[in-house]
């Protein structure tokens, strides 16, 4: 069955279910609290038809994409309302206001903060048709033999992928039928730079502190991520050695922040950015020429006709992954719609779209179906571009013959040496990080 016909079946199936069921419901997608029929636990009585469902989706700016919203509404028939937030706001709402969202796009590193609140309901992986095809470093913690990612530090997604049972607020160290998030997008992050302004290649994290770039560098101002970039720099420069960069001691945090404050006083940093747009503007204006960066931000700078490189640094990458979770308040037809969203998300269209920004798909083989062979070869295989490379929004970002920074999917993700993390000393980290920013 083709992708299109399968999606049509999903849409008509949901609509038929909604048409046949009846119950009392208020506005804002409130439905019966009786178990959903699709769980096998008993019938649900619903009044609203599928076209009346609106799923409220919170996440950071990189997840709140109008083109994705429009496609899912076209394919599945219900509405999706987007709300773009900073990382901190997104986590705060997930933890404290479960009635304000239906779908939560969050990073896996945030789950030790969010899951104990009990505001995400466990995802029944048996309701996901292709869960078994998800890239294994999410589901088992392994990629291929000898890959650095297999022993990476920090909060690797597999450590927080599963709950012990349906009602648990505790992570399971081994696979269960109950997931926290389903992968949406992920990448191997590094430093971005303007080769026309740096005077050559950037090959090490240590160069962020090179005095020749004084006043022209920037760090990401999100404590849990910025501290990891700083640790990569300090370890690469030989200034510090960490037991686990993703779980630093108070003594290690004191030393890192002390060095950062000293570098700030010396004028090494031009800025500390929080949002995607800030990083793009800093780099495209030339105010900053070397900084913490995200892949689509590099793509956005290239789309302006400027040279920008995502450096394949010799010490390896900092990995991150985001996924979509479900509010504990979802039930009935709205919950059914949410599961269809998750299935649709894994189906491939989203993966193909995000792939043109440089992100990776939870199931690469499905994304491949929605990419030109030449796009797949460039973005996933690391081969020279056989055609001009166009981003998802229609802008040329690479010319024929170009190579993706860092090479293939296997090379880039296999060389992730640490993941974004929430540390045991998280409260202390935030306190010390704020001292640095305020210094």
Protein backbone atom coordinates (compact mmCIF):
# COMPACT_ATOMS: atom_id res chain seq x y z
CA UNK A 1 0.00 0.00 0.00
CA UNK A 2 1.39 3.41 -0.89
CA UNK A 3 2.14 6.06 1.73
CA UNK A 4 -0.65 8.22 0.40
CA UNK A 5 -3.28 5.51 0.51
CA UNK A 6 -2.19 4.44 3.98
CA UNK A 7 -2.55 8.02 5.23
CA UNK A 8 -5.97 8.30 3.61
CA UNK A 9 -6.96 5.13 5.43
CA UNK A 10 -5.76 6.61 8.72
CA UNK A 11 -7.80 9.75 8.14
CA UNK A 12 -10.99 8.01 7.11
CA UNK A 13 -10.62 5.42 9.85
CA UNK A 14 -10.37 8.09 12.53
CA UNK A 15 -13.28 9.99 11.05
CA UNK A 16 -15.42 6.88 10.98
CA UNK A 17 -14.57 6.15 14.59
CA UNK A 18 -15.54 9.65 15.58
CA UNK A 19 -18.78 9.49 13.60
CA UNK A 20 -19.87 6.24 15.22
CA UNK A 21 -19.10 7.27 18.81
CA UNK A 22 -20.97 9.62 21.13
CA UNK A 23 -20.32 11.24 24.51
CA UNK A 24 -20.34 14.50 26.41
CA UNK A 25 -17.38 16.77 25.75
CA UNK A 26 -16.51 20.38 26.28
CA UNK A 27 -14.45 22.65 24.06
CA UNK A 28 -10.66 22.39 23.81
CA UNK A 29 -10.69 18.67 22.93
CA UNK A 30 -12.00 17.40 26.27
CA UNK A 31 -13.25 13.85 25.78
CA UNK A 32 -14.58 10.98 27.81
CA UNK A 33 -12.20 9.62 30.43
CA UNK A 34 -13.24 6.07 29.60
CA UNK A 35 -10.46 3.93 28.10
CA UNK A 36 -9.93 4.19 24.36
CA UNK A 37 -11.29 1.37 22.25
CA UNK A 38 -7.92 1.09 20.49
CA UNK A 39 -6.23 0.12 23.75
CA UNK A 40 -8.41 -2.96 23.98
CA UNK A 41 -9.66 -1.91 27.41
CA UNK A 42 -13.22 -1.02 26.49
CA UNK A 43 -15.25 1.36 24.36
CA UNK A 44 -14.92 5.13 24.36
CA UNK A 45 -17.92 7.32 23.68
CA UNK A 46 -17.04 10.44 21.70
CA UNK A 47 -19.11 13.26 20.22
CA UNK A 48 -16.57 15.32 18.29
CA UNK A 49 -15.63 14.25 14.77
CA UNK A 50 -12.00 14.05 13.71
CA UNK A 51 -12.14 17.42 11.98
CA UNK A 52 -13.00 19.01 15.33
CA UNK A 53 -9.85 17.73 17.05
CA UNK A 54 -7.05 20.25 17.59
CA UNK A 55 -3.83 18.99 19.15
CA UNK A 56 -1.89 21.71 20.95
CA UNK A 57 1.80 21.18 20.28
CA UNK A 58 4.48 22.90 22.38
CA UNK A 59 8.18 22.81 21.57
CA UNK A 60 11.23 24.86 20.73
CA UNK A 61 11.43 26.87 17.53
CA UNK A 62 13.22 24.13 15.61
CA UNK A 63 10.16 21.86 16.05
CA UNK A 64 7.43 24.42 15.40
CA UNK A 65 7.41 24.32 11.60
CA UNK A 66 4.36 25.55 9.71
CA UNK A 67 5.04 23.30 6.72
CA UNK A 68 4.93 20.22 8.96
CA UNK A 69 1.72 21.44 10.58
CA UNK A 70 0.11 21.99 7.17
CA UNK A 71 1.13 18.54 5.92
CA UNK A 72 -0.15 16.62 8.92
CA UNK A 73 -3.45 18.50 8.78
CA UNK A 74 -3.73 17.63 5.10
CA UNK A 75 -2.87 13.97 5.62
CA UNK A 76 -4.75 13.21 8.83
CA UNK A 77 -7.63 15.67 8.84
CA UNK A 78 -7.36 17.16 12.32
CA UNK A 79 -5.75 20.45 13.37
CA UNK A 80 -2.44 21.14 15.08
CA UNK A 81 -1.83 24.39 16.99
CA UNK A 82 1.85 25.28 17.36
CA UNK A 83 3.43 27.16 20.25
CA UNK A 84 7.15 27.94 20.02
CA UNK A 85 9.00 28.34 23.32
CA UNK A 86 12.52 28.54 24.67
CA UNK A 87 13.97 25.33 26.10
CA UNK A 88 13.35 26.53 29.67
CA UNK A 89 9.77 27.68 28.98
CA UNK A 90 8.99 24.44 27.17
CA UNK A 91 10.14 22.31 30.09
CA UNK A 92 8.43 24.54 32.64
CA UNK A 93 5.04 24.27 30.92
CA UNK A 94 5.46 20.51 30.47
CA UNK A 95 6.13 20.16 34.20
CA UNK A 96 3.60 22.59 35.63
CA UNK A 97 0.78 23.06 33.09
CA UNK A 98 -0.24 19.74 31.49
CA UNK A 99 -3.64 21.20 30.64
CA UNK A 100 -1.97 23.69 28.30
CA UNK A 101 -0.68 21.14 25.76
CA UNK A 102 -1.48 17.82 24.12
CA UNK A 103 1.82 17.08 22.38
CA UNK A 104 5.18 17.94 23.93
CA UNK A 105 8.33 18.15 21.82
CA UNK A 106 11.24 18.03 24.24
CA UNK A 107 14.83 16.96 24.34
CA UNK A 108 15.65 13.64 25.94
CA UNK A 109 18.02 15.36 28.36
CA UNK A 110 15.05 17.24 29.83
CA UNK A 111 13.17 14.08 30.78
CA UNK A 112 14.78 13.66 34.25
CA UNK A 113 13.11 17.01 35.01
CA UNK A 114 9.79 16.42 33.25
CA UNK A 115 8.96 12.75 33.89
CA UNK A 116 8.87 12.93 37.73
CA UNK A 117 6.04 15.47 37.43
CA UNK A 118 3.78 12.72 36.11
CA UNK A 119 2.47 15.08 33.42
CA UNK A 120 3.49 12.90 30.46
CA UNK A 121 1.56 9.70 29.94
CA UNK A 122 3.48 6.59 28.96
CA UNK A 123 3.43 5.84 25.23
CA UNK A 124 2.28 2.32 24.37
CA UNK A 125 4.83 1.24 21.76
CA UNK A 126 2.49 -1.55 20.62
CA UNK A 127 0.36 1.20 19.04
CA UNK A 128 3.29 2.35 16.90
CA UNK A 129 3.51 0.34 13.70
CA UNK A 130 7.23 0.76 13.08
CA UNK A 131 8.75 1.32 16.50
CA UNK A 132 11.18 -1.57 15.92
CA UNK A 133 12.76 0.32 13.00
CA UNK A 134 13.82 3.32 15.10
CA UNK A 135 17.61 3.90 15.09
CA UNK A 136 18.99 1.59 17.80
CA UNK A 137 20.97 4.13 19.82
CA UNK A 138 17.56 5.42 20.91
CA UNK A 139 16.12 2.04 21.80
CA UNK A 140 19.16 -0.02 22.87
CA UNK A 141 22.00 2.48 23.29
CA UNK A 142 24.07 0.83 20.54
CA UNK A 143 24.83 1.80 16.95
CA UNK A 144 27.57 -0.26 15.32
CA UNK A 145 30.54 -2.09 16.82
CA UNK A 146 33.28 0.27 17.92
CA UNK A 147 31.22 3.44 17.58
CA UNK A 148 32.08 6.12 20.14
CA UNK A 149 28.37 6.75 20.67
CA UNK A 150 28.03 3.30 22.25
CA UNK A 151 29.98 4.53 25.29
CA UNK A 152 29.09 8.22 25.14
CA UNK A 153 28.79 10.34 28.27
CA UNK A 154 25.77 12.35 29.35
CA UNK A 155 22.05 11.57 29.00
CA UNK A 156 22.02 9.29 25.98
CA UNK A 157 18.40 8.83 24.79
CA UNK A 158 18.33 5.11 25.58
CA UNK A 159 18.83 5.87 29.30
CA UNK A 160 15.52 7.75 29.43
CA UNK A 161 13.62 6.06 26.60
CA UNK A 162 11.51 3.68 28.68
CA UNK A 163 9.34 3.78 31.80
CA UNK A 164 9.06 0.80 34.14
CA UNK A 165 5.34 0.47 33.46
CA UNK A 166 2.32 2.40 32.25
CA UNK A 167 1.88 4.43 35.44
CA UNK A 168 5.52 4.73 36.42
CA UNK A 169 7.50 7.95 36.93
CA UNK A 170 10.76 5.99 36.89
CA UNK A 171 12.97 5.18 33.92
CA UNK A 172 13.64 1.57 33.07
CA UNK A 173 17.27 0.64 32.28
CA UNK A 174 15.99 -2.07 29.93
CA UNK A 175 13.33 -1.90 27.18
CA UNK A 176 9.65 -2.10 28.13
CA UNK A 177 6.39 -1.52 26.26
CA UNK A 178 6.17 2.03 27.64
CA UNK A 179 8.14 4.91 26.09
CA UNK A 180 8.64 8.48 27.24
CA UNK A 181 9.08 10.19 23.86
CA UNK A 182 9.14 9.05 20.25
CA UNK A 183 12.12 10.52 18.36
CA UNK A 184 11.28 13.52 16.21
CA UNK A 185 14.68 14.83 15.17
CA UNK A 186 18.27 14.64 16.33
CA UNK A 187 21.78 15.56 15.32
CA UNK A 188 25.45 15.60 16.15
CA UNK A 189 26.25 19.16 17.21
CA UNK A 190 29.52 20.98 16.97
CA UNK A 191 30.84 24.50 16.38
CA UNK A 192 29.76 26.59 13.42
CA UNK A 193 32.10 29.07 11.81
CA UNK A 194 32.55 31.49 8.93
CA UNK A 195 35.63 30.24 7.00
CA UNK A 196 35.80 33.52 5.10
CA UNK A 197 36.32 35.32 8.42
CA UNK A 198 38.27 32.79 10.54
CA UNK A 199 41.09 32.56 8.01
CA UNK A 200 40.92 28.79 7.65
CA UNK A 201 39.54 25.53 9.02
CA UNK A 202 38.44 25.09 12.61
CA UNK A 203 39.50 21.58 13.63
CA UNK A 204 39.23 21.50 17.44
CA UNK A 205 36.76 22.56 20.11
CA UNK A 206 39.72 24.26 21.81
CA UNK A 207 39.74 27.00 19.17
CA UNK A 208 36.64 28.61 20.69
CA UNK A 209 39.03 30.00 23.33
CA UNK A 210 41.79 30.94 20.87
CA UNK A 211 42.80 34.58 21.57
CA UNK A 212 42.86 35.31 17.82
CA UNK A 213 39.05 35.04 17.87
CA UNK A 214 38.69 37.35 20.88
CA UNK A 215 35.36 39.18 20.83
CA UNK A 216 34.08 37.09 17.92
CA UNK A 217 32.85 33.90 19.63
CA UNK A 218 29.55 32.94 21.25
CA UNK A 219 28.13 30.25 23.52
CA UNK A 220 24.61 28.88 23.77
CA UNK A 221 22.95 30.29 26.89
CA UNK A 222 21.10 27.16 27.97
CA UNK A 223 22.86 25.84 31.09
CA UNK A 224 22.49 22.11 30.36
CA UNK A 225 23.86 22.54 26.82
CA UNK A 226 26.23 25.47 27.17
CA UNK A 227 28.10 23.73 29.97
CA UNK A 228 28.65 20.71 27.73
CA UNK A 229 30.11 22.85 24.95
CA UNK A 230 32.37 24.53 27.50
CA UNK A 231 33.49 21.13 28.80
CA UNK A 232 34.30 19.98 25.27
CA UNK A 233 36.44 23.12 24.83
CA UNK A 234 38.24 22.74 28.14
CA UNK A 235 38.95 19.04 27.65
CA UNK A 236 40.17 19.62 24.09
CA UNK A 237 42.49 22.40 25.27
CA UNK A 238 43.94 20.22 28.03
CA UNK A 239 42.72 22.59 30.75
CA UNK A 240 40.49 19.96 32.41
CA UNK A 241 39.71 16.24 32.34
CA UNK A 242 36.23 15.03 33.32
CA UNK A 243 35.01 11.76 34.73
CA UNK A 244 31.68 12.37 32.97
CA UNK A 245 31.05 15.67 31.21
CA UNK A 246 27.35 14.93 31.47
CA UNK A 247 27.40 14.59 35.24
CA UNK A 248 29.98 16.97 36.70
CA UNK A 249 30.82 17.29 40.37
CA UNK A 250 30.45 20.60 42.21
CA UNK A 251 34.22 20.96 42.14
CA UNK A 252 34.27 20.47 38.36
CA UNK A 253 31.44 22.96 37.91
CA UNK A 254 33.24 25.51 40.06
CA UNK A 255 36.35 25.18 37.93
CA UNK A 256 34.49 25.33 34.59
CA UNK A 257 32.52 28.42 35.60
CA UNK A 258 35.65 30.07 37.00
CA UNK A 259 37.42 29.65 33.66
CA UNK A 260 34.37 30.86 31.72
CA UNK A 261 34.12 33.99 33.87
CA UNK A 262 37.82 34.67 33.32
CA UNK A 263 37.44 34.26 29.53
CA UNK A 264 34.43 36.56 29.61
CA UNK A 265 36.39 39.23 31.47
CA UNK A 266 39.16 38.89 28.89
CA UNK A 267 36.59 39.69 26.18
CA UNK A 268 36.63 36.30 24.45
CA UNK A 269 32.86 36.20 23.93
CA UNK A 270 30.76 38.53 21.81
CA UNK A 271 27.40 37.08 22.88
CA UNK A 272 25.40 34.32 24.56
CA UNK A 273 22.39 33.28 22.52
CA UNK A 274 19.19 31.46 23.46
CA UNK A 275 17.25 31.16 20.20
CA UNK A 276 17.85 29.81 16.72
CA UNK A 277 17.27 33.25 15.16
CA UNK A 278 19.80 34.92 17.46
CA UNK A 279 22.52 32.49 16.39
CA UNK A 280 21.71 33.02 12.70
CA UNK A 281 21.77 36.80 13.03
CA UNK A 282 25.06 36.81 14.95
CA UNK A 283 26.77 34.65 12.33
CA UNK A 284 25.28 36.22 9.22
CA UNK A 285 26.11 39.75 10.41
CA UNK A 286 29.72 38.78 11.06
CA UNK A 287 29.52 39.89 14.69
CA UNK A 288 30.39 36.30 15.57
CA UNK A 289 32.57 34.06 13.43
CA UNK A 290 32.85 30.95 15.65
CA UNK A 291 30.16 29.70 18.03
CA UNK A 292 27.93 27.01 19.46
CA UNK A 293 25.46 26.32 16.66
CA UNK A 294 22.64 24.10 15.45
CA UNK A 295 22.60 22.47 12.04
CA UNK A 296 19.57 24.35 10.62
CA UNK A 297 21.11 27.62 11.76
CA UNK A 298 24.16 26.82 9.63
CA UNK A 299 21.76 25.99 6.81
CA UNK A 300 19.96 29.32 7.30
CA UNK A 301 23.24 31.24 7.09
CA UNK A 302 24.16 29.39 3.89
CA UNK A 303 20.73 30.23 2.46
CA UNK A 304 21.73 33.89 2.73
CA UNK A 305 24.58 33.21 0.31
CA UNK A 306 27.25 33.23 3.03
CA UNK A 307 29.92 30.62 3.72
CA UNK A 308 29.29 28.74 6.95
CA UNK A 309 30.75 25.42 8.10
CA UNK A 310 29.62 22.97 10.77
CA UNK A 311 33.04 21.79 11.87
CA UNK A 312 33.79 18.03 12.04
CA UNK A 313 36.04 18.56 15.07
CA UNK A 314 38.63 15.93 15.94
CA UNK A 315 37.39 15.39 19.51
CA UNK A 316 33.92 14.32 18.36
CA UNK A 317 30.38 15.62 18.57
CA UNK A 318 27.89 16.57 21.25
CA UNK A 319 24.69 14.70 20.52
CA UNK A 320 21.11 15.68 21.14
CA UNK A 321 17.72 14.27 20.35
CA UNK A 322 14.18 15.50 20.69
CA UNK A 323 10.99 13.51 20.71
CA UNK A 324 7.24 13.93 20.99
CA UNK A 325 5.40 12.95 24.15
CA UNK A 326 1.78 12.93 25.23
CA UNK A 327 0.11 15.01 27.94
CA UNK A 328 -1.45 12.99 30.75
CA UNK A 329 -4.75 14.77 29.99
CA UNK A 330 -5.14 13.24 26.52
CA UNK A 331 -7.91 10.65 26.17
CA UNK A 332 -10.52 9.38 23.73
CA UNK A 333 -10.44 10.53 20.11
CA UNK A 334 -7.81 13.18 20.91
CA UNK A 335 -5.51 10.46 22.23
CA UNK A 336 -6.22 8.34 19.15
CA UNK A 337 -5.35 11.33 16.98
CA UNK A 338 -2.13 11.83 18.93
CA UNK A 339 -1.09 8.23 18.27
CA UNK A 340 -1.83 8.69 14.59
CA UNK A 341 0.37 11.80 14.68
CA UNK A 342 3.20 9.68 16.13
CA UNK A 343 2.73 7.02 13.46
CA UNK A 344 2.62 9.69 10.76
CA UNK A 345 5.76 11.29 12.20
CA UNK A 346 7.63 7.99 11.77
CA UNK A 347 6.19 7.37 8.30
CA UNK A 348 8.87 9.35 6.46
CA UNK A 349 7.52 12.67 5.21
CA UNK A 350 8.74 14.54 8.30
CA UNK A 351 12.11 12.80 8.10
CA UNK A 352 12.54 13.81 4.48
CA UNK A 353 11.60 17.41 5.22
CA UNK A 354 13.91 17.71 8.22
CA UNK A 355 16.68 15.93 6.34
CA UNK A 356 16.93 18.89 3.99
CA UNK A 357 17.86 21.01 7.00
CA UNK A 358 20.53 18.58 8.10
CA UNK A 359 18.52 16.83 10.83
CA UNK A 360 18.17 13.07 11.00
CA UNK A 361 15.05 10.90 11.08
CA UNK A 362 14.05 8.34 13.71
CA UNK A 363 13.70 5.83 10.85
CA UNK A 364 16.14 6.86 8.09
CA UNK A 365 14.88 4.21 5.65
CA UNK A 366 11.43 5.85 5.75
CA UNK A 367 12.85 9.35 5.27
CA UNK A 368 14.67 8.06 2.20
CA UNK A 369 11.32 7.45 0.48
CA UNK A 370 10.62 11.19 0.61
CA UNK A 371 14.03 12.43 -0.55
CA UNK A 372 15.57 12.55 -3.98
CA UNK A 373 18.36 9.97 -4.36
CA UNK A 374 20.83 12.83 -4.73
CA UNK A 375 19.57 14.42 -1.48
CA UNK A 376 19.87 11.15 0.39
CA UNK A 377 23.39 10.62 -0.91
CA UNK A 378 24.44 14.11 0.20
CA UNK A 379 22.78 14.29 3.60
CA UNK A 380 23.00 10.66 4.77
CA UNK A 381 25.76 8.99 2.76
CA UNK A 382 28.25 11.87 2.78
CA UNK A 383 28.69 11.73 -0.99
CA UNK A 384 29.43 14.76 -3.20
CA UNK A 385 26.23 16.53 -4.22
CA UNK A 386 25.18 15.34 -7.66
CA UNK A 387 22.81 18.33 -7.93
CA UNK A 388 22.44 21.71 -6.26
CA UNK A 389 21.15 21.14 -2.73
CA UNK A 390 17.93 22.95 -1.82
CA UNK A 391 16.64 23.41 1.73
CA UNK A 392 13.02 22.58 2.69
CA UNK A 393 11.97 26.15 2.01
CA UNK A 394 13.23 26.23 -1.57
CA UNK A 395 16.55 28.04 -1.08
CA UNK A 396 19.82 26.79 -2.54
CA UNK A 397 22.33 26.04 0.22
CA UNK A 398 25.00 23.96 -1.53
CA UNK A 399 26.24 23.72 -5.10
CA UNK A 400 26.79 20.57 -7.10
CA UNK A 401 29.96 18.84 -5.94
CA UNK A 402 29.74 20.01 -2.31
CA UNK A 403 30.20 17.62 0.61
CA UNK A 404 28.25 17.59 3.86
CA UNK A 405 30.34 18.83 6.78
CA UNK A 406 31.45 15.78 8.75
CA UNK A 407 30.44 13.24 6.13
CA UNK A 408 27.93 10.43 6.46
CA UNK A 409 25.26 9.68 9.04
CA UNK A 410 27.35 6.75 10.27
CA UNK A 411 30.47 8.89 10.64
CA UNK A 412 28.74 11.79 12.36
CA UNK A 413 26.41 9.99 14.78
CA UNK A 414 28.91 7.23 15.41
CA UNK A 415 31.35 9.87 16.69
CA UNK A 416 29.05 11.41 19.32
CA UNK A 417 31.11 11.38 22.53
CA UNK A 418 28.59 13.06 24.85
CA UNK A 419 24.90 13.95 24.93
CA UNK A 420 23.08 16.95 26.33
CA UNK A 421 22.38 16.21 29.98
CA UNK A 422 20.66 17.02 33.21
CA UNK A 423 23.17 16.49 35.99
CA UNK A 424 22.68 15.38 39.57
CA UNK A 425 23.99 18.82 40.52
CA UNK A 426 21.53 20.53 38.13
CA UNK A 427 20.37 23.16 40.62
CA UNK A 428 23.96 24.04 41.43
CA UNK A 429 24.81 24.13 37.72
CA UNK A 430 22.04 26.62 36.98
CA UNK A 431 23.13 28.79 39.90
CA UNK A 432 26.75 28.81 38.74
CA UNK A 433 25.81 29.32 35.09
CA UNK A 434 23.72 32.36 36.02
CA UNK A 435 26.73 33.74 37.90
CA UNK A 436 28.74 33.39 34.68
CA UNK A 437 26.12 35.11 32.50
CA UNK A 438 25.75 37.93 35.04
CA UNK A 439 29.51 38.39 35.57
